Amino acid sequence: MRRFIKSRPYVPVHELRRRFEIEGMEDEVSPMPTGQGTLFVGLPAQEAVFLGDLVKSGEVGCELLLDPVSPAVIGVYPMRPVARQ
């Protein structure tokens, strides 16, 4: 998942579910602990923790829901692109 996110400028959360065939209820939301508080993401708990670790390490940024304003993640983007050799 890390490599996929880093290879694109922006990835909506629904694209992560589709690309990695993440099973679960369509409207499932899990808390995602980050260094700046808890966000909520439409992924199962295990994937939310993994994504939270990427955010904590500064590798991935999150776009939050703005209408209404809430700590819900709607997409992710790389903070530092992968160097190509």
Protein backbone atom coordinates (compact mmCIF):
# COMPACT_ATOMS: atom_id res chain seq x y z
CA MET A 1 0.00 0.00 0.00
CA ARG A 2 2.86 2.37 0.84
CA ARG A 3 4.45 1.95 -2.58
CA PHE A 4 1.11 2.44 -4.35
CA ILE A 5 0.38 5.69 -2.48
CA LYS A 6 3.90 6.99 -3.09
CA SER A 7 3.63 6.31 -6.83
CA ARG A 8 0.65 8.65 -7.32
CA PRO A 9 0.00 12.30 -6.60
CA TYR A 10 -3.31 11.56 -4.81
CA VAL A 11 -5.30 8.45 -3.92
CA PRO A 12 -8.93 8.54 -2.72
CA VAL A 13 -9.69 6.12 0.12
CA HIS A 14 -12.21 4.24 -2.03
CA GLU A 15 -9.40 3.56 -4.54
CA LEU A 16 -7.30 1.93 -1.78
CA ARG A 17 -10.23 -0.38 -0.95
CA ARG A 18 -10.70 -1.31 -4.61
CA ARG A 19 -7.02 -1.69 -5.52
CA PHE A 20 -6.15 -3.89 -2.54
CA GLU A 21 -9.50 -5.71 -2.42
CA ILE A 22 -10.03 -4.69 1.19
CA GLU A 23 -13.07 -6.49 2.49
CA GLY A 24 -15.52 -4.95 4.90
CA MET A 25 -18.75 -3.06 5.02
CA GLU A 26 -19.06 -0.21 2.53
CA ASP A 27 -19.66 2.41 5.21
CA GLU A 28 -17.15 1.02 7.72
CA VAL A 29 -15.08 3.70 9.47
CA SER A 30 -12.16 3.09 11.83
CA PRO A 31 -10.15 5.42 14.03
CA MET A 32 -6.69 6.16 12.68
CA PRO A 33 -4.24 7.29 15.37
CA THR A 34 -1.79 9.96 14.17
CA GLY A 35 0.78 12.07 15.94
CA GLN A 36 -1.68 15.00 15.97
CA GLY A 37 -4.80 13.22 17.19
CA THR A 38 -7.26 10.65 15.92
CA LEU A 39 -8.67 10.79 12.42
CA PHE A 40 -11.34 8.52 10.97
CA VAL A 41 -10.91 6.63 7.71
CA GLY A 42 -13.21 4.35 5.71
CA LEU A 43 -11.03 1.26 6.14
CA PRO A 44 -11.03 -1.74 8.49
CA ALA A 45 -9.11 -1.32 11.77
CA GLN A 46 -5.92 -3.13 10.68
CA GLU A 47 -5.51 -1.03 7.52
CA ALA A 48 -6.37 2.16 9.43
CA VAL A 49 -3.55 1.48 11.91
CA PHE A 50 -1.12 0.84 9.04
CA LEU A 51 -2.14 4.06 7.29
CA GLY A 52 -1.86 5.91 10.61
CA ASP A 53 1.72 4.67 10.96
CA LEU A 54 2.52 6.07 7.50
CA VAL A 55 1.04 9.43 8.51
CA LYS A 56 2.97 9.45 11.83
CA SER A 57 6.24 8.76 10.03
CA GLY A 58 5.61 11.69 7.66
CA GLU A 59 5.48 9.53 4.52
CA VAL A 60 1.80 10.17 3.75
CA GLY A 61 -0.49 13.16 4.13
CA CYS A 62 -4.27 13.14 4.44
CA GLU A 63 -7.00 15.20 2.86
CA LEU A 64 -9.85 15.70 5.30
CA LEU A 65 -13.56 16.09 4.72
CA LEU A 66 -14.39 19.80 4.62
CA ASP A 67 -18.17 19.87 4.30
CA PRO A 68 -19.04 19.31 7.07
CA VAL A 69 -15.69 19.91 8.71
CA SER A 70 -14.72 16.69 10.46
CA PRO A 71 -11.63 14.56 11.12
CA ALA A 72 -12.59 12.13 8.33
CA VAL A 73 -9.99 11.17 5.72
CA ILE A 74 -11.17 11.19 2.09
CA GLY A 75 -7.81 10.79 0.36
CA VAL A 76 -4.07 10.43 0.86
CA TYR A 77 -0.97 11.73 -0.91
CA PRO A 78 2.78 11.14 -0.65
CA MET A 79 4.81 13.61 1.38
CA ARG A 80 8.10 12.60 -0.22
CA PRO A 81 8.06 10.93 -3.63
CA VAL A 82 9.91 7.67 -4.13
CA ALA A 83 13.29 8.27 -5.80
CA ARG A 84 13.50 6.53 -9.16
CA GLN A 85 16.78 4.90 -10.10
